[in-house]
C-alpha atoms as a PDB file:
ATOM      1  CA  MET A   1     -25.111 -49.099  12.310  1.00  0.00           C
ATOM      2  CA  ALA A   2     -22.914 -49.700   9.183  1.00  0.00           C
ATOM      3  CA  GLN A   3     -19.770 -47.922   8.393  1.00  0.00           C
ATOM      4  CA  LEU A   4     -20.798 -44.793   6.122  1.00  0.00           C
ATOM      5  CA  VAL A   5     -17.440 -44.294   4.580  1.00  0.00           C
ATOM      6  CA  LYS A   6     -15.254 -47.067   3.848  1.00  0.00           C
ATOM      7  CA  VAL A   7     -11.316 -46.392   3.432  1.00  0.00           C
ATOM      8  CA  VAL A   8      -9.500 -49.044   1.879  1.00  0.00           C
ATOM      9  CA  ASP A   9      -5.642 -49.037   0.727  1.00  0.00           C
ATOM     10  CA  ASP A  10      -4.315 -50.827  -2.235  1.00  0.00           C
ATOM     11  CA  GLY A  11      -0.553 -49.815  -1.988  1.00  0.00           C
ATOM     12  CA  HIS A  12      -0.494 -46.128  -2.453  1.00  0.00           C
ATOM     13  CA  VAL A  13      -4.140 -45.840  -3.783  1.00  0.00           C
ATOM     14  CA  ARG A  14      -6.842 -44.690  -1.133  1.00  0.00           C
ATOM     15  CA  THR A  15     -10.463 -45.866  -2.152  1.00  0.00           C
ATOM     16  CA  ILE A  16     -12.934 -44.075  -0.436  1.00  0.00           C
ATOM     17  CA  THR A  17     -16.521 -45.430  -0.892  1.00  0.00           C
ATOM     18  CA  LEU A  18     -19.910 -43.883   0.155  1.00  0.00           C
ATOM     19  CA  ASN A  19     -21.618 -46.826   1.764  1.00  0.00           C
ATOM     20  CA  ARG A  20     -25.193 -46.337   2.196  1.00  0.00           C
ATOM     21  CA  PRO A  21     -26.501 -48.530  -0.725  1.00  0.00           C
ATOM     22  CA  GLU A  22     -30.070 -48.968   0.573  1.00  0.00           C
ATOM     23  CA  ARG A  23     -30.400 -45.212   0.002  1.00  0.00           C
ATOM     24  CA  LYS A  24     -28.356 -45.281  -3.309  1.00  0.00           C
ATOM     25  CA  ASN A  25     -25.583 -43.408  -1.079  1.00  0.00           C
ATOM     26  CA  ALA A  26     -28.002 -40.366  -0.478  1.00  0.00           C
ATOM     27  CA  LEU A  27     -26.211 -37.675   1.616  1.00  0.00           C
ATOM     28  CA  SER A  28     -26.867 -37.448   5.072  1.00  0.00           C
ATOM     29  CA  ASP A  29     -25.006 -34.683   6.774  1.00  0.00           C
ATOM     30  CA  GLU A  30     -22.966 -37.521   8.801  1.00  0.00           C
ATOM     31  CA  LEU A  31     -22.201 -39.466   5.337  1.00  0.00           C
ATOM     32  CA  ALA A  32     -21.132 -35.825   3.513  1.00  0.00           C
ATOM     33  CA  TRP A  33     -18.990 -35.040   6.447  1.00  0.00           C
ATOM     34  CA  GLY A  34     -17.182 -38.469   6.533  1.00  0.00           C
ATOM     35  CA  VAL A  35     -16.482 -38.160   3.015  1.00  0.00           C
ATOM     36  CA  ILE A  36     -14.871 -34.826   3.826  1.00  0.00           C
ATOM     37  CA  GLU A  37     -12.829 -36.030   6.620  1.00  0.00           C
ATOM     38  CA  ALA A  38     -11.696 -39.314   4.760  1.00  0.00           C
ATOM     39  CA  VAL A  39     -10.292 -36.749   1.724  1.00  0.00           C
ATOM     40  CA  GLU A  40      -8.427 -34.490   4.004  1.00  0.00           C
ATOM     41  CA  ALA A  41      -6.997 -37.605   6.073  1.00  0.00           C
ATOM     42  CA  ALA A  42      -5.509 -38.871   2.479  1.00  0.00           C
ATOM     43  CA  ALA A  43      -3.937 -35.440   1.653  1.00  0.00           C
ATOM     44  CA  ARG A  44      -2.248 -35.491   5.102  1.00  0.00           C
ATOM     45  CA  ASP A  45      -0.885 -39.074   4.686  1.00  0.00           C
ATOM     46  CA  ASP A  46       2.009 -39.147   2.795  1.00  0.00           C
ATOM     47  CA  ASN A  47       1.944 -42.783   1.959  1.00  0.00           C
ATOM     48  CA  VAL A  48      -1.341 -41.812  -0.488  1.00  0.00           C
ATOM     49  CA  TRP A  49      -0.533 -40.881  -3.835  1.00  0.00           C
ATOM     50  CA  VAL A  50      -4.025 -41.234  -5.719  1.00  0.00           C
ATOM     51  CA  VAL A  51      -7.481 -41.086  -3.987  1.00  0.00           C
ATOM     52  CA  ALA A  52     -10.451 -42.542  -5.321  1.00  0.00           C
ATOM     53  CA  ILE A  53     -14.128 -41.864  -4.344  1.00  0.00           C
ATOM     54  CA  THR A  54     -16.663 -44.124  -5.360  1.00  0.00           C
ATOM     55  CA  GLY A  55     -20.245 -45.620  -4.072  1.00  0.00           C
ATOM     56  CA  SER A  56     -21.288 -48.904  -3.059  1.00  0.00           C
ATOM     57  CA  GLY A  57     -23.931 -50.843  -4.574  1.00  0.00           C
ATOM     58  CA  ASP A  58     -24.985 -49.399  -8.076  1.00  0.00           C
ATOM     59  CA  SER A  59     -24.995 -45.998  -7.397  1.00  0.00           C
ATOM     60  CA  PHE A  60     -22.562 -43.330  -6.891  1.00  0.00           C
ATOM     61  CA  CYS A  61     -24.736 -40.590  -4.712  1.00  0.00           C
ATOM     62  CA  ALA A  62     -28.218 -39.858  -4.993  1.00  0.00           C
ATOM     63  CA  GLY A  63     -27.761 -36.170  -3.943  1.00  0.00           C
ATOM     64  CA  LEU A  64     -29.009 -34.942  -0.508  1.00  0.00           C
ATOM     65  CA  ASP A  65     -31.444 -37.417   1.282  1.00  0.00           C
ATOM     66  CA  LEU A  66     -34.628 -35.260   2.057  1.00  0.00           C
ATOM     67  CA  THR A  67     -36.221 -37.187   4.221  1.00  0.00           C
ATOM     68  CA  GLY A  68     -33.437 -37.626   6.882  1.00  0.00           C
ATOM     69  CA  PRO A  69     -34.314 -35.327  10.007  1.00  0.00           C
ATOM     70  CA  GLU A  70     -30.980 -35.756  11.643  1.00  0.00           C
ATOM     71  CA  ARG A  71     -28.369 -33.232  11.854  1.00  0.00           C
ATOM     72  CA  TYR A  72     -24.602 -34.051  12.442  1.00  0.00           C
ATOM     73  CA  SER A  73     -21.245 -31.596  12.226  1.00  0.00           C
ATOM     74  CA  PRO A  74     -17.880 -32.301  13.276  1.00  0.00           C
ATOM     75  CA  LEU A  75     -17.499 -28.821  14.043  1.00  0.00           C
ATOM     76  CA  THR A  76     -17.621 -27.205  17.705  1.00  0.00           C
ATOM     77  CA  PRO A  77     -21.021 -25.429  18.379  1.00  0.00           C
ATOM     78  CA  GLN A  78     -19.664 -22.250  17.849  1.00  0.00           C
ATOM     79  CA  SER A  79     -17.673 -22.945  14.505  1.00  0.00           C
ATOM     80  CA  ALA A  80     -20.713 -24.540  13.008  1.00  0.00           C
ATOM     81  CA  GLN A  81     -23.066 -21.393  13.805  1.00  0.00           C
ATOM     82  CA  LEU A  82     -20.199 -19.547  12.111  1.00  0.00           C
ATOM     83  CA  ASP A  83     -19.953 -21.997   9.289  1.00  0.00           C
ATOM     84  CA  ASP A  84     -21.211 -20.155   5.790  1.00  0.00           C
ATOM     85  CA  VAL A  85     -19.873 -23.153   3.344  1.00  0.00           C
ATOM     86  CA  HIS A  86     -21.231 -26.354   5.080  1.00  0.00           C
ATOM     87  CA  TRP A  87     -19.941 -29.470   3.566  1.00  0.00           C
ATOM     88  CA  VAL A  88     -21.863 -28.869   0.497  1.00  0.00           C
ATOM     89  CA  GLY A  89     -19.264 -26.310  -0.533  1.00  0.00           C
ATOM     90  CA  ARG A  90     -16.504 -28.539   1.234  1.00  0.00           C
ATOM     91  CA  PHE A  91     -16.470 -31.013  -1.358  1.00  0.00           C
ATOM     92  CA  LEU A  92     -14.924 -28.835  -3.844  1.00  0.00           C
ATOM     93  CA  LEU A  93     -12.444 -27.139  -1.226  1.00  0.00           C
ATOM     94  CA  SER A  94     -11.146 -30.510   0.058  1.00  0.00           C
ATOM     95  CA  ILE A  95     -10.766 -32.053  -3.357  1.00  0.00           C
ATOM     96  CA  ARG A  96      -9.159 -29.341  -5.125  1.00  0.00           C
ATOM     97  CA  LYS A  97      -7.620 -27.064  -2.404  1.00  0.00           C
ATOM     98  CA  VAL A  98      -6.849 -29.174   0.711  1.00  0.00           C
ATOM     99  CA  CYS A  99      -6.106 -32.348  -1.093  1.00  0.00           C
ATOM    100  CA  ASP A 100      -3.248 -31.745  -3.671  1.00  0.00           C
ATOM    101  CA  LYS A 101      -3.179 -35.324  -4.839  1.00  0.00           C
ATOM    102  CA  PRO A 102      -4.799 -36.772  -7.645  1.00  0.00           C
ATOM    103  CA  VAL A 103      -8.674 -37.506  -6.861  1.00  0.00           C
ATOM    104  CA  VAL A 104     -10.569 -39.957  -9.406  1.00  0.00           C
ATOM    105  CA  GLY A 105     -14.072 -39.975  -9.234  1.00  0.00           C
ATOM    106  CA  GLY A 106     -15.441 -43.433  -9.889  1.00  0.00           C
ATOM    107  CA  ILE A 107     -18.860 -42.887 -11.113  1.00  0.00           C
ATOM    108  CA  ASN A 108     -20.602 -46.237 -11.013  1.00  0.00           C
ATOM    109  CA  GLY A 109     -24.255 -45.581 -11.383  1.00  0.00           C
ATOM    110  CA  VAL A 110     -26.474 -42.541 -10.534  1.00  0.00           C
ATOM    111  CA  ALA A 111     -25.208 -38.929  -9.552  1.00  0.00           C
ATOM    112  CA  VAL A 112     -27.593 -36.394  -8.570  1.00  0.00           C
ATOM    113  CA  GLY A 113     -27.767 -32.765  -7.163  1.00  0.00           C
ATOM    114  CA  ALA A 114     -24.925 -32.517  -4.458  1.00  0.00           C
ATOM    115  CA  GLY A 115     -23.927 -36.100  -5.753  1.00  0.00           C
ATOM    116  CA  LEU A 116     -22.773 -34.947  -8.858  1.00  0.00           C
ATOM    117  CA  GLY A 117     -21.065 -31.687  -7.630  1.00  0.00           C
ATOM    118  CA  LEU A 118     -19.114 -34.593  -5.418  1.00  0.00           C
ATOM    119  CA  ALA A 119     -18.193 -36.162  -8.583  1.00  0.00           C
ATOM    120  CA  MET A 120     -17.473 -33.095 -10.612  1.00  0.00           C
ATOM    121  CA  ALA A 121     -15.261 -32.036  -7.619  1.00  0.00           C
ATOM    122  CA  THR A 122     -13.073 -35.023  -8.414  1.00  0.00           C
ATOM    123  CA  ASP A 123     -10.034 -34.075 -10.592  1.00  0.00           C
ATOM    124  CA  VAL A 124     -10.595 -37.200 -13.334  1.00  0.00           C
ATOM    125  CA  ARG A 125     -13.830 -39.287 -13.904  1.00  0.00           C
ATOM    126  CA  LEU A 126     -14.481 -42.823 -15.022  1.00  0.00           C
ATOM    127  CA  VAL A 127     -17.877 -43.372 -15.481  1.00  0.00           C
ATOM    128  CA  THR A 128     -19.967 -46.810 -16.051  1.00  0.00           C
ATOM    129  CA  ARG A 129     -22.148 -47.121 -19.083  1.00  0.00           C
ATOM    130  CA  SER A 130     -25.499 -47.214 -17.207  1.00  0.00           C
ATOM    131  CA  ALA A 131     -24.716 -44.144 -14.929  1.00  0.00           C
ATOM    132  CA  ARG A 132     -26.970 -41.575 -14.711  1.00  0.00           C
ATOM    133  CA  LEU A 133     -25.762 -38.107 -14.269  1.00  0.00           C
ATOM    134  CA  MET A 134     -28.431 -35.192 -13.385  1.00  0.00           C
ATOM    135  CA  ALA A 135     -28.312 -31.673 -11.687  1.00  0.00           C
ATOM    136  CA  GLY A 136     -31.935 -31.956 -10.878  1.00  0.00           C
ATOM    137  CA  TYR A 137     -32.125 -28.430  -8.905  1.00  0.00           C
ATOM    138  CA  THR A 138     -34.837 -27.169 -11.212  1.00  0.00           C
ATOM    139  CA  ARG A 139     -36.677 -30.234 -10.202  1.00  0.00           C
ATOM    140  CA  ILE A 140     -36.997 -29.274  -6.517  1.00  0.00           C
ATOM    141  CA  GLY A 141     -37.420 -25.604  -6.540  1.00  0.00           C
ATOM    142  CA  GLY A 142     -33.451 -25.000  -5.881  1.00  0.00           C
ATOM    143  CA  SER A 143     -30.429 -23.606  -7.573  1.00  0.00           C
ATOM    144  CA  PRO A 144     -26.922 -25.229  -8.226  1.00  0.00           C
ATOM    145  CA  ASP A 145     -24.697 -25.886  -4.897  1.00  0.00           C
ATOM    146  CA  ALA A 146     -21.598 -28.110  -4.164  1.00  0.00           C
ATOM    147  CA  GLY A 147     -19.502 -26.502  -6.602  1.00  0.00           C
ATOM    148  CA  LEU A 148     -21.384 -26.882  -9.760  1.00  0.00           C
ATOM    149  CA  THR A 149     -21.217 -23.288 -11.104  1.00  0.00           C
ATOM    150  CA  ILE A 150     -17.813 -23.898 -11.057  1.00  0.00           C
ATOM    151  CA  THR A 151     -17.171 -27.321 -12.491  1.00  0.00           C
ATOM    152  CA  LEU A 152     -19.627 -28.024 -14.856  1.00  0.00           C
ATOM    153  CA  PRO A 153     -18.871 -24.992 -17.157  1.00  0.00           C
ATOM    154  CA  GLN A 154     -15.285 -25.671 -16.453  1.00  0.00           C
ATOM    155  CA  ALA A 155     -16.010 -29.070 -18.136  1.00  0.00           C
ATOM    156  CA  MET A 156     -18.720 -28.736 -20.715  1.00  0.00           C
ATOM    157  CA  GLY A 157     -18.355 -24.725 -21.282  1.00  0.00           C
ATOM    158  CA  TYR A 158     -20.910 -22.287 -20.406  1.00  0.00           C
ATOM    159  CA  GLU A 159     -24.099 -23.021 -22.838  1.00  0.00           C
ATOM    160  CA  GLN A 160     -23.832 -26.527 -22.564  1.00  0.00           C
ATOM    161  CA  ALA A 161     -23.668 -26.123 -18.599  1.00  0.00           C
ATOM    162  CA  MET A 162     -26.476 -23.775 -18.973  1.00  0.00           C
ATOM    163  CA  ARG A 163     -28.514 -26.254 -21.182  1.00  0.00           C
ATOM    164  CA  PHE A 164     -28.071 -29.243 -19.238  1.00  0.00           C
ATOM    165  CA  MET A 165     -29.221 -27.641 -15.739  1.00  0.00           C
ATOM    166  CA  MET A 166     -32.053 -25.586 -17.059  1.00  0.00           C
ATOM    167  CA  GLU A 167     -33.585 -28.679 -18.864  1.00  0.00           C
ATOM    168  CA  ASN A 168     -33.055 -31.102 -16.152  1.00  0.00           C
ATOM    169  CA  ARG A 169     -31.231 -33.367 -18.549  1.00  0.00           C
ATOM    170  CA  THR A 170     -29.808 -36.674 -17.637  1.00  0.00           C
ATOM    171  CA  ALA A 171     -26.568 -37.889 -19.281  1.00  0.00           C
ATOM    172  CA  THR A 172     -25.967 -41.520 -19.595  1.00  0.00           C
ATOM    173  CA  GLY A 173     -22.356 -42.566 -19.618  1.00  0.00           C
ATOM    174  CA  ASP A 174     -21.563 -42.212 -23.130  1.00  0.00           C
ATOM    175  CA  GLU A 175     -23.237 -38.892 -23.036  1.00  0.00           C
ATOM    176  CA  ALA A 176     -21.308 -37.739 -20.241  1.00  0.00           C
ATOM    177  CA  VAL A 177     -18.047 -38.261 -22.164  1.00  0.00           C
ATOM    178  CA  ALA A 178     -19.251 -36.688 -25.102  1.00  0.00           C
ATOM    179  CA  LEU A 179     -20.232 -33.585 -22.983  1.00  0.00           C
ATOM    180  CA  GLY A 180     -16.796 -33.446 -21.141  1.00  0.00           C
ATOM    181  CA  MET A 181     -18.206 -34.533 -17.803  1.00  0.00           C
ATOM    182  CA  ALA A 182     -15.902 -37.498 -17.783  1.00  0.00           C
ATOM    183  CA  GLY A 183     -13.023 -39.159 -19.465  1.00  0.00           C
ATOM    184  CA  GLU A 184     -13.628 -42.478 -19.785  1.00  0.00           C
ATOM    185  CA  VAL A 185     -16.944 -45.014 -19.713  1.00  0.00           C
ATOM    186  CA  VAL A 186     -16.200 -48.140 -18.807  1.00  0.00           C
ATOM    187  CA  ASP A 187     -18.851 -51.516 -19.284  1.00  0.00           C
ATOM    188  CA  ASP A 188     -20.155 -51.966 -15.609  1.00  0.00           C
ATOM    189  CA  SER A 189     -19.268 -55.451 -15.379  1.00  0.00           C
ATOM    190  CA  GLU A 190     -15.390 -54.103 -15.746  1.00  0.00           C
ATOM    191  CA  PHE A 191     -15.587 -50.952 -13.954  1.00  0.00           C
ATOM    192  CA  ALA A 192     -13.937 -51.733 -10.432  1.00  0.00           C
ATOM    193  CA  ALA A 193     -11.300 -53.349 -12.129  1.00  0.00           C
ATOM    194  CA  ARG A 194     -10.799 -50.430 -14.380  1.00  0.00           C
ATOM    195  CA  LEU A 195     -10.948 -48.354 -11.885  1.00  0.00           C
ATOM    196  CA  SER A 196      -8.389 -49.826  -9.480  1.00  0.00           C
ATOM    197  CA  ALA A 197      -5.928 -50.240 -12.498  1.00  0.00           C
ATOM    198  CA  TYR A 198      -6.280 -46.861 -13.475  1.00  0.00           C
ATOM    199  CA  CYS A 199      -5.412 -45.500 -10.189  1.00  0.00           C
ATOM    200  CA  GLN A 200      -2.331 -47.972  -9.887  1.00  0.00           C
ATOM    201  CA  GLN A 201      -1.463 -46.562 -13.381  1.00  0.00           C
ATOM    202  CA  LEU A 202      -1.194 -42.823 -11.997  1.00  0.00           C
ATOM    203  CA  CYS A 203       1.073 -44.215  -9.073  1.00  0.00           C
ATOM    204  CA  ALA A 204       3.620 -45.049 -11.501  1.00  0.00           C
ATOM    205  CA  TRP A 205       4.598 -41.372 -11.636  1.00  0.00           C
ATOM    206  CA  SER A 206       6.225 -39.422  -8.716  1.00  0.00           C
ATOM    207  CA  PRO A 207       3.815 -38.130  -6.295  1.00  0.00           C
ATOM    208  CA  ILE A 208       5.629 -35.100  -6.026  1.00  0.00           C
ATOM    209  CA  THR A 209       5.334 -34.508  -9.641  1.00  0.00           C
ATOM    210  CA  LEU A 210       1.564 -35.097  -9.328  1.00  0.00           C
ATOM    211  CA  ARG A 211       0.795 -32.863  -6.605  1.00  0.00           C
ATOM    212  CA  LEU A 212       2.866 -30.231  -7.983  1.00  0.00           C
ATOM    213  CA  LEU A 213       0.762 -30.540 -11.275  1.00  0.00           C
ATOM    214  CA  LYS A 214      -2.567 -30.487  -9.354  1.00  0.00           C
ATOM    215  CA  ARG A 215      -1.653 -27.253  -7.730  1.00  0.00           C
ATOM    216  CA  GLY A 216      -0.543 -25.780 -10.979  1.00  0.00           C
ATOM    217  CA  MET A 217      -3.914 -26.669 -13.035  1.00  0.00           C
ATOM    218  CA  VAL A 218      -5.926 -25.645  -9.853  1.00  0.00           C
ATOM    219  CA  ARG A 219      -4.596 -22.297  -9.338  1.00  0.00           C
ATOM    220  CA  ALA A 220      -4.984 -21.798 -13.322  1.00  0.00           C
ATOM    221  CA  LEU A 221      -8.555 -22.458 -12.972  1.00  0.00           C
ATOM    222  CA  GLU A 222      -9.234 -19.999  -9.949  1.00  0.00           C
ATOM    223  CA  THR A 223     -10.009 -17.315 -12.429  1.00  0.00           C
ATOM    224  CA  SER A 224     -12.633 -16.243  -9.387  1.00  0.00           C
ATOM    225  CA  ASP A 225     -12.221 -16.610  -5.652  1.00  0.00           C
ATOM    226  CA  LEU A 226     -13.433 -20.136  -5.003  1.00  0.00           C
ATOM    227  CA  GLU A 227     -14.698 -19.599  -1.513  1.00  0.00           C
ATOM    228  CA  GLN A 228     -16.733 -16.541  -2.445  1.00  0.00           C
ATOM    229  CA  GLN A 229     -18.318 -18.368  -5.187  1.00  0.00           C
ATOM    230  CA  LEU A 230     -19.162 -21.253  -2.905  1.00  0.00           C
ATOM    231  CA  ARG A 231     -20.788 -18.842  -0.360  1.00  0.00           C
ATOM    232  CA  TYR A 232     -22.477 -17.419  -3.389  1.00  0.00           C
ATOM    233  CA  GLU A 233     -23.879 -20.709  -4.233  1.00  0.00           C
ATOM    234  CA  VAL A 234     -24.986 -21.394  -0.643  1.00  0.00           C
ATOM    235  CA  SER A 235     -26.696 -18.166  -0.396  1.00  0.00           C
ATOM    236  CA  ASN A 236     -28.352 -18.698  -3.805  1.00  0.00           C
ATOM    237  CA  ILE A 237     -29.738 -21.954  -2.766  1.00  0.00           C
ATOM    238  CA  ARG A 238     -31.053 -20.853   0.710  1.00  0.00           C
ATOM    239  CA  ILE A 239     -33.147 -18.065  -0.958  1.00  0.00           C
ATOM    240  CA  ALA A 240     -34.591 -20.328  -3.517  1.00  0.00           C
ATOM    241  CA  PHE A 241     -35.273 -23.292  -0.949  1.00  0.00           C
ATOM    242  CA  SER A 242     -37.621 -20.567   0.944  1.00  0.00           C
ATOM    243  CA  SER A 243     -39.432 -19.738  -1.706  1.00  0.00           C
ATOM    244  CA  GLU A 244     -43.237 -20.871  -2.241  1.00  0.00           C
ATOM    245  CA  ASP A 245     -42.343 -22.516  -5.433  1.00  0.00           C
ATOM    246  CA  ALA A 246     -39.763 -24.540  -3.860  1.00  0.00           C
ATOM    247  CA  LYS A 247     -42.095 -25.968  -1.273  1.00  0.00           C
ATOM    248  CA  GLU A 248     -44.450 -26.535  -4.160  1.00  0.00           C
ATOM    249  CA  ALA A 249     -41.862 -28.427  -6.263  1.00  0.00           C
ATOM    250  CA  ARG A 250     -41.072 -30.991  -3.044  1.00  0.00           C
ATOM    251  CA  GLN A 251     -44.492 -31.697  -2.469  1.00  0.00           C
ATOM    252  CA  ALA A 252     -45.056 -32.356  -6.098  1.00  0.00           C
ATOM    253  CA  PHE A 253     -42.172 -34.365  -6.190  1.00  0.00           C
ATOM    254  CA  PHE A 254     -43.044 -36.462  -3.197  1.00  0.00           C
ATOM    255  CA  GLU A 255     -46.651 -36.650  -4.554  1.00  0.00           C
ATOM    256  CA  LYS A 256     -45.443 -37.517  -8.115  1.00  0.00           C
ATOM    257  CA  ARG A 257     -47.319 -34.829 -10.099  1.00  0.00           C
ATOM    258  CA  ALA A 258     -46.352 -31.888 -12.166  1.00  0.00           C
ATOM    259  CA  PRO A 259     -45.562 -28.734  -9.925  1.00  0.00           C
ATOM    260  CA  VAL A 260     -47.735 -25.437 -10.437  1.00  0.00           C
ATOM    261  CA  PHE A 261     -45.340 -22.591  -9.681  1.00  0.00           C
ATOM    262  CA  ASN A 262     -46.386 -19.048  -8.838  1.00  0.00           C
ATOM    263  CA  GLY A 263     -43.275 -16.987  -9.061  1.00  0.00           C
ATOM    264  CA  ARG A 264     -43.312 -16.387  -5.312  1.00  0.00           C
END
């Protein structure tokens, strides 16, 4: 089986690549936990000053793989039973609270649902011009998770985030920058080189300075308890996905038709 998460060091930069291109890097449990484990390993390595997260092929991450039957967790059975955040909440916890080093998102293509959550959990983002960013939860009868109720309002403001998710909008690379979802748009052909150069540029500063800077910024943003909010998100999406409307939305999605909702 192909390596689902590729980890490559270049000087003090560690690049973590989601490597499931045949599925547009859609998240199986194993891939999602692999990303978390890679981020937390980078946090523990003093030789790593900057972390980059990107996708293989032409996609960043197409969100949860709705077709995958397998279940995987690195937790012990008892710990897994008690886990009320799961990997979908740990993206933001790992990137913001466990890893106090700058994490750069290299959004090289589609980023949807939990894939968008992973992208928005990063500290700064570069995006390809051809990228497509979408929350997508209304389409499948869900509610936002992966930290998006935290990160999107922080990046875009409350109303823009509400509109973006309620209207099921798709943002291109240029639109993502205009909305505040990313700081820089790059032509596709130049993206890999620019992502590498940007991360190396950050390594010109003291890693202690960068880590303290991030700690201060994250602390200032935590106006509410982060873990409580993540549990609230997970609680909401569990309720949403258990509804008849959610089942209808997913069935309509696979049948490529408009869903018919009944409010139950």
